Amino acid sequence: QPDFATLILDYIPEATCVELKSLKLYIWSFRDTGCFHEDVTNRILDDLVSATRPRYMQLTARFYVRGGIFTTVVAEHREPGWTPAPAVPLLAFDSQSTMRG
């Protein structure tokens, strides 16, 4: 019986991108493969990094309940020396009344 998961892929490409149909077929290739959630998440990330050589890539796998336990695995790759751009702080808006007048 296969385990199902929602995969969230965040990445900053260098020269190549992930083609969605190829990604779908690649992910489906794991359907009948027995492995641990952590192993399959890291294997997918490693293969995608090898294929695309991104500056940054993060794969989050949220596996559906198995034995009453939810499993979320996060794997990340950063190109050596790469750092993200600094965050832009956003100021909060003052509270506004919903009443006019």
N, C-alpha and C. Protein backbone atom coordinates (compact mmCIF):
# COMPACT_ATOMS: atom_id res chain seq x y z
N GLN A 1 0.85 -1.18 0.00
CA GLN A 1 0.00 0.00 0.00
C GLN A 1 0.89 1.24 0.00
N PRO A 2 0.75 2.11 -1.00
CA PRO A 2 1.63 3.28 -1.08
C PRO A 2 1.25 4.34 -0.05
N ASP A 3 2.25 5.10 0.38
CA ASP A 3 2.02 6.28 1.20
C ASP A 3 1.86 7.46 0.24
N PHE A 4 1.02 8.41 0.62
CA PHE A 4 0.81 9.59 -0.20
C PHE A 4 1.31 10.81 0.55
N ALA A 5 1.76 11.80 -0.22
CA ALA A 5 2.30 13.02 0.39
C ALA A 5 2.02 14.21 -0.50
N THR A 6 2.02 15.37 0.10
CA THR A 6 2.02 16.63 -0.63
C THR A 6 3.46 17.11 -0.63
N LEU A 7 3.99 17.39 -1.83
CA LEU A 7 5.37 17.87 -1.95
C LEU A 7 5.35 19.35 -2.31
N ILE A 8 6.16 20.12 -1.60
CA ILE A 8 6.29 21.55 -1.87
C ILE A 8 7.75 21.80 -2.23
N LEU A 9 7.98 22.25 -3.46
CA LEU A 9 9.33 22.48 -3.96
C LEU A 9 9.55 23.98 -4.12
N ASP A 10 10.47 24.53 -3.36
CA ASP A 10 10.87 25.93 -3.48
C ASP A 10 12.31 25.94 -3.96
N TYR A 11 12.58 26.73 -5.00
CA TYR A 11 13.97 26.78 -5.45
C TYR A 11 14.26 28.06 -6.20
N ILE A 12 15.54 28.40 -6.22
CA ILE A 12 16.05 29.54 -6.98
C ILE A 12 17.01 28.93 -8.00
N PRO A 13 16.59 28.91 -9.28
CA PRO A 13 17.41 28.24 -10.29
C PRO A 13 18.66 29.03 -10.64
N GLU A 14 19.62 28.33 -11.19
CA GLU A 14 20.81 28.98 -11.74
C GLU A 14 20.61 29.12 -13.24
N ALA A 15 20.71 28.03 -14.00
CA ALA A 15 20.57 28.09 -15.45
C ALA A 15 19.43 27.21 -15.97
N THR A 16 19.05 26.19 -15.21
CA THR A 16 17.99 25.28 -15.67
C THR A 16 16.85 25.22 -14.66
N CYS A 17 15.68 24.89 -15.17
CA CYS A 17 14.48 24.80 -14.34
C CYS A 17 13.93 23.38 -14.38
N VAL A 18 13.01 23.10 -13.48
CA VAL A 18 12.35 21.81 -13.43
C VAL A 18 11.16 21.83 -14.39
N GLU A 19 11.10 20.86 -15.29
CA GLU A 19 9.97 20.74 -16.22
C GLU A 19 8.90 19.92 -15.52
N LEU A 20 7.68 20.46 -15.43
CA LEU A 20 6.65 19.87 -14.58
C LEU A 20 6.24 18.45 -14.96
N LYS A 21 6.10 18.16 -16.25
CA LYS A 21 5.69 16.80 -16.63
C LYS A 21 6.77 15.79 -16.24
N SER A 22 8.02 16.14 -16.48
CA SER A 22 9.12 15.25 -16.09
C SER A 22 9.15 15.06 -14.58
N LEU A 23 8.90 16.14 -13.84
CA LEU A 23 8.87 16.04 -12.38
C LEU A 23 7.75 15.11 -11.93
N LYS A 24 6.59 15.25 -12.53
CA LYS A 24 5.45 14.39 -12.18
C LYS A 24 5.78 12.92 -12.43
N LEU A 25 6.32 12.61 -13.59
CA LEU A 25 6.66 11.22 -13.91
C LEU A 25 7.75 10.69 -12.99
N TYR A 26 8.70 11.54 -12.65
CA TYR A 26 9.76 11.12 -11.73
C TYR A 26 9.18 10.81 -10.35
N ILE A 27 8.32 11.68 -9.84
CA ILE A 27 7.70 11.46 -8.53
C ILE A 27 6.88 10.17 -8.56
N TRP A 28 6.15 9.93 -9.62
CA TRP A 28 5.34 8.71 -9.73
C TRP A 28 6.20 7.45 -9.71
N SER A 29 7.45 7.57 -10.10
CA SER A 29 8.32 6.38 -10.11
C SER A 29 8.56 5.83 -8.70
N PHE A 30 8.26 6.60 -7.68
CA PHE A 30 8.43 6.15 -6.29
C PHE A 30 7.19 5.45 -5.75
N ARG A 31 6.14 5.39 -6.53
CA ARG A 31 4.86 4.86 -6.05
C ARG A 31 4.96 3.44 -5.49
N ASP A 32 5.69 2.58 -6.15
CA ASP A 32 5.79 1.19 -5.71
C ASP A 32 7.15 0.87 -5.08
N THR A 33 7.85 1.90 -4.63
CA THR A 33 9.16 1.72 -4.01
C THR A 33 9.01 1.79 -2.50
N GLY A 34 9.50 0.80 -1.80
CA GLY A 34 9.45 0.82 -0.34
C GLY A 34 10.65 1.55 0.23
N CYS A 35 10.41 2.64 0.94
CA CYS A 35 11.51 3.36 1.59
C CYS A 35 10.95 4.26 2.68
N PHE A 36 11.83 4.73 3.53
CA PHE A 36 11.43 5.62 4.61
C PHE A 36 11.11 7.01 4.06
N HIS A 37 10.22 7.72 4.75
CA HIS A 37 9.83 9.06 4.31
C HIS A 37 11.05 9.98 4.19
N GLU A 38 11.93 9.91 5.18
CA GLU A 38 13.12 10.77 5.16
C GLU A 38 14.03 10.42 3.99
N ASP A 39 14.17 9.14 3.71
CA ASP A 39 15.04 8.69 2.62
C ASP A 39 14.52 9.15 1.27
N VAL A 40 13.24 8.97 1.03
CA VAL A 40 12.69 9.34 -0.28
C VAL A 40 12.74 10.85 -0.48
N THR A 41 12.50 11.62 0.58
CA THR A 41 12.57 13.08 0.46
C THR A 41 13.98 13.53 0.11
N ASN A 42 14.98 12.99 0.81
CA ASN A 42 16.37 13.36 0.52
C ASN A 42 16.82 12.86 -0.85
N ARG A 43 16.35 11.69 -1.26
CA ARG A 43 16.72 11.16 -2.57
C ARG A 43 16.15 12.05 -3.69
N ILE A 44 14.90 12.47 -3.54
CA ILE A 44 14.29 13.35 -4.55
C ILE A 44 15.06 14.67 -4.61
N LEU A 45 15.35 15.26 -3.45
CA LEU A 45 16.10 16.52 -3.44
C LEU A 45 17.47 16.34 -4.10
N ASP A 46 18.19 15.29 -3.74
CA ASP A 46 19.52 15.06 -4.32
C ASP A 46 19.46 14.91 -5.83
N ASP A 47 18.46 14.18 -6.33
CA ASP A 47 18.33 13.99 -7.78
C ASP A 47 17.99 15.30 -8.48
N LEU A 48 17.10 16.09 -7.89
CA LEU A 48 16.73 17.38 -8.50
C LEU A 48 17.91 18.35 -8.48
N VAL A 49 18.68 18.35 -7.40
CA VAL A 49 19.86 19.21 -7.34
C VAL A 49 20.88 18.78 -8.40
N SER A 50 21.08 17.48 -8.56
CA SER A 50 22.01 16.98 -9.59
C SER A 50 21.56 17.37 -10.99
N ALA A 51 20.26 17.35 -11.22
CA ALA A 51 19.73 17.63 -12.56
C ALA A 51 19.71 19.12 -12.89
N THR A 52 19.50 19.98 -11.88
CA THR A 52 19.28 21.40 -12.17
C THR A 52 20.37 22.33 -11.64
N ARG A 53 21.17 21.89 -10.69
CA ARG A 53 22.22 22.72 -10.08
C ARG A 53 21.70 24.09 -9.65
N PRO A 54 20.69 24.14 -8.77
CA PRO A 54 20.12 25.43 -8.37
C PRO A 54 21.00 26.16 -7.36
N ARG A 55 20.73 27.45 -7.19
CA ARG A 55 21.39 28.21 -6.12
C ARG A 55 20.85 27.74 -4.77
N TYR A 56 19.55 27.49 -4.74
CA TYR A 56 18.88 27.09 -3.50
C TYR A 56 17.72 26.18 -3.86
N MET A 57 17.50 25.15 -3.06
CA MET A 57 16.33 24.29 -3.26
C MET A 57 15.91 23.71 -1.91
N GLN A 58 14.60 23.74 -1.67
CA GLN A 58 14.04 23.14 -0.46
C GLN A 58 12.85 22.29 -0.86
N LEU A 59 12.83 21.07 -0.36
CA LEU A 59 11.71 20.16 -0.60
C LEU A 59 11.05 19.84 0.74
N THR A 60 9.77 20.14 0.83
CA THR A 60 8.98 19.80 2.01
C THR A 60 8.01 18.71 1.61
N ALA A 61 8.04 17.60 2.33
CA ALA A 61 7.14 16.47 2.06
C ALA A 61 6.24 16.28 3.27
N ARG A 62 4.94 16.47 3.06
CA ARG A 62 3.95 16.27 4.13
C ARG A 62 3.21 14.98 3.84
N PHE A 63 3.57 13.94 4.56
CA PHE A 63 2.99 12.62 4.33
C PHE A 63 1.67 12.49 5.08
N TYR A 64 0.73 11.81 4.45
CA TYR A 64 -0.58 11.58 5.06
C TYR A 64 -0.45 10.63 6.24
N VAL A 65 -1.48 10.60 7.06
CA VAL A 65 -1.46 9.82 8.30
C VAL A 65 -1.16 8.35 8.02
N ARG A 66 -0.24 7.83 8.82
CA ARG A 66 0.10 6.41 8.75
C ARG A 66 0.22 5.95 10.20
N GLY A 67 -0.67 5.11 10.65
CA GLY A 67 -0.64 4.67 12.04
C GLY A 67 -0.92 5.79 13.02
N GLY A 68 -1.70 6.78 12.59
CA GLY A 68 -2.05 7.89 13.46
C GLY A 68 -0.97 8.96 13.58
N ILE A 69 0.07 8.88 12.75
CA ILE A 69 1.18 9.83 12.84
C ILE A 69 1.32 10.60 11.53
N PHE A 70 1.35 11.93 11.63
CA PHE A 70 1.66 12.78 10.49
C PHE A 70 3.17 12.93 10.42
N THR A 71 3.73 12.87 9.23
CA THR A 71 5.18 13.05 9.06
C THR A 71 5.42 14.19 8.09
N THR A 72 6.23 15.16 8.50
CA THR A 72 6.67 16.24 7.61
C THR A 72 8.18 16.22 7.59
N VAL A 73 8.74 16.13 6.38
CA VAL A 73 10.20 16.09 6.21
C VAL A 73 10.60 17.28 5.35
N VAL A 74 11.61 18.03 5.80
CA VAL A 74 12.12 19.18 5.06
C VAL A 74 13.59 18.92 4.76
N ALA A 75 13.95 18.99 3.47
CA ALA A 75 15.34 18.82 3.05
C ALA A 75 15.74 20.06 2.25
N GLU A 76 16.98 20.51 2.43
CA GLU A 76 17.40 21.78 1.83
C GLU A 76 18.79 21.68 1.24
N HIS A 77 19.00 22.41 0.13
CA HIS A 77 20.31 22.52 -0.51
C HIS A 77 20.59 24.00 -0.74
N ARG A 78 21.82 24.42 -0.45
CA ARG A 78 22.28 25.77 -0.77
C ARG A 78 23.60 25.66 -1.51
N GLU A 79 23.72 26.42 -2.59
CA GLU A 79 24.99 26.48 -3.30
C GLU A 79 26.03 27.08 -2.35
N PRO A 80 27.26 26.56 -2.32
CA PRO A 80 28.27 27.11 -1.42
C PRO A 80 28.45 28.62 -1.64
N GLY A 81 28.42 29.37 -0.55
CA GLY A 81 28.59 30.81 -0.62
C GLY A 81 27.33 31.60 -0.92
N TRP A 82 26.24 30.92 -1.25
CA TRP A 82 25.00 31.63 -1.58
C TRP A 82 24.26 32.02 -0.31
N THR A 83 23.82 33.26 -0.27
CA THR A 83 22.97 33.72 0.83
C THR A 83 21.78 34.44 0.23
N PRO A 84 20.63 34.33 0.85
CA PRO A 84 19.45 35.01 0.31
C PRO A 84 19.56 36.52 0.47
N ALA A 85 18.82 37.23 -0.36
CA ALA A 85 18.74 38.68 -0.22
C ALA A 85 18.13 39.01 1.14
N PRO A 86 18.51 40.13 1.73
CA PRO A 86 17.95 40.46 3.04
C PRO A 86 16.44 40.67 2.95
N ALA A 87 15.77 40.30 4.02
CA ALA A 87 14.32 40.47 4.08
C ALA A 87 13.97 41.95 4.12
N VAL A 88 12.85 42.28 3.52
CA VAL A 88 12.36 43.65 3.53
C VAL A 88 11.32 43.74 4.64
N PRO A 89 11.60 44.54 5.69
CA PRO A 89 10.63 44.63 6.78
C PRO A 89 9.41 45.44 6.34
N LEU A 90 8.26 44.92 6.63
CA LEU A 90 7.01 45.61 6.31
C LEU A 90 6.43 46.14 7.61
N LEU A 91 6.07 47.40 7.61
CA LEU A 91 5.48 48.00 8.80
C LEU A 91 4.02 47.62 8.89
N ALA A 92 3.56 47.42 10.08
CA ALA A 92 2.15 47.08 10.29
C ALA A 92 1.30 48.32 10.08
N PHE A 93 0.11 48.11 9.55
CA PHE A 93 -0.84 49.21 9.41
C PHE A 93 -1.45 49.52 10.77
N ASP A 94 -1.78 50.80 10.97
CA ASP A 94 -2.50 51.16 12.18
C ASP A 94 -3.86 50.51 12.15
N SER A 95 -4.38 50.22 13.32
CA SER A 95 -5.73 49.64 13.40
C SER A 95 -6.71 50.62 12.79
N GLN A 96 -7.61 50.10 12.00
CA GLN A 96 -8.62 50.95 11.38
C GLN A 96 -9.99 50.50 11.82
N SER A 97 -10.81 51.46 12.08
CA SER A 97 -12.18 51.16 12.46
C SER A 97 -12.94 50.73 11.22
N THR A 98 -13.87 49.82 11.40
CA THR A 98 -14.72 49.40 10.29
C THR A 98 -15.91 50.34 10.14
N MET A 99 -16.03 51.31 11.04
CA MET A 99 -17.14 52.28 11.00
C MET A 99 -16.70 53.50 10.21
N ARG A 100 -17.57 54.03 9.39
CA ARG A 100 -17.29 55.26 8.65
C ARG A 100 -17.77 56.45 9.47
N GLY A 101 -17.08 57.55 9.29
CA GLY A 101 -17.62 58.76 9.90
C GLY A 101 -16.82 59.38 10.89
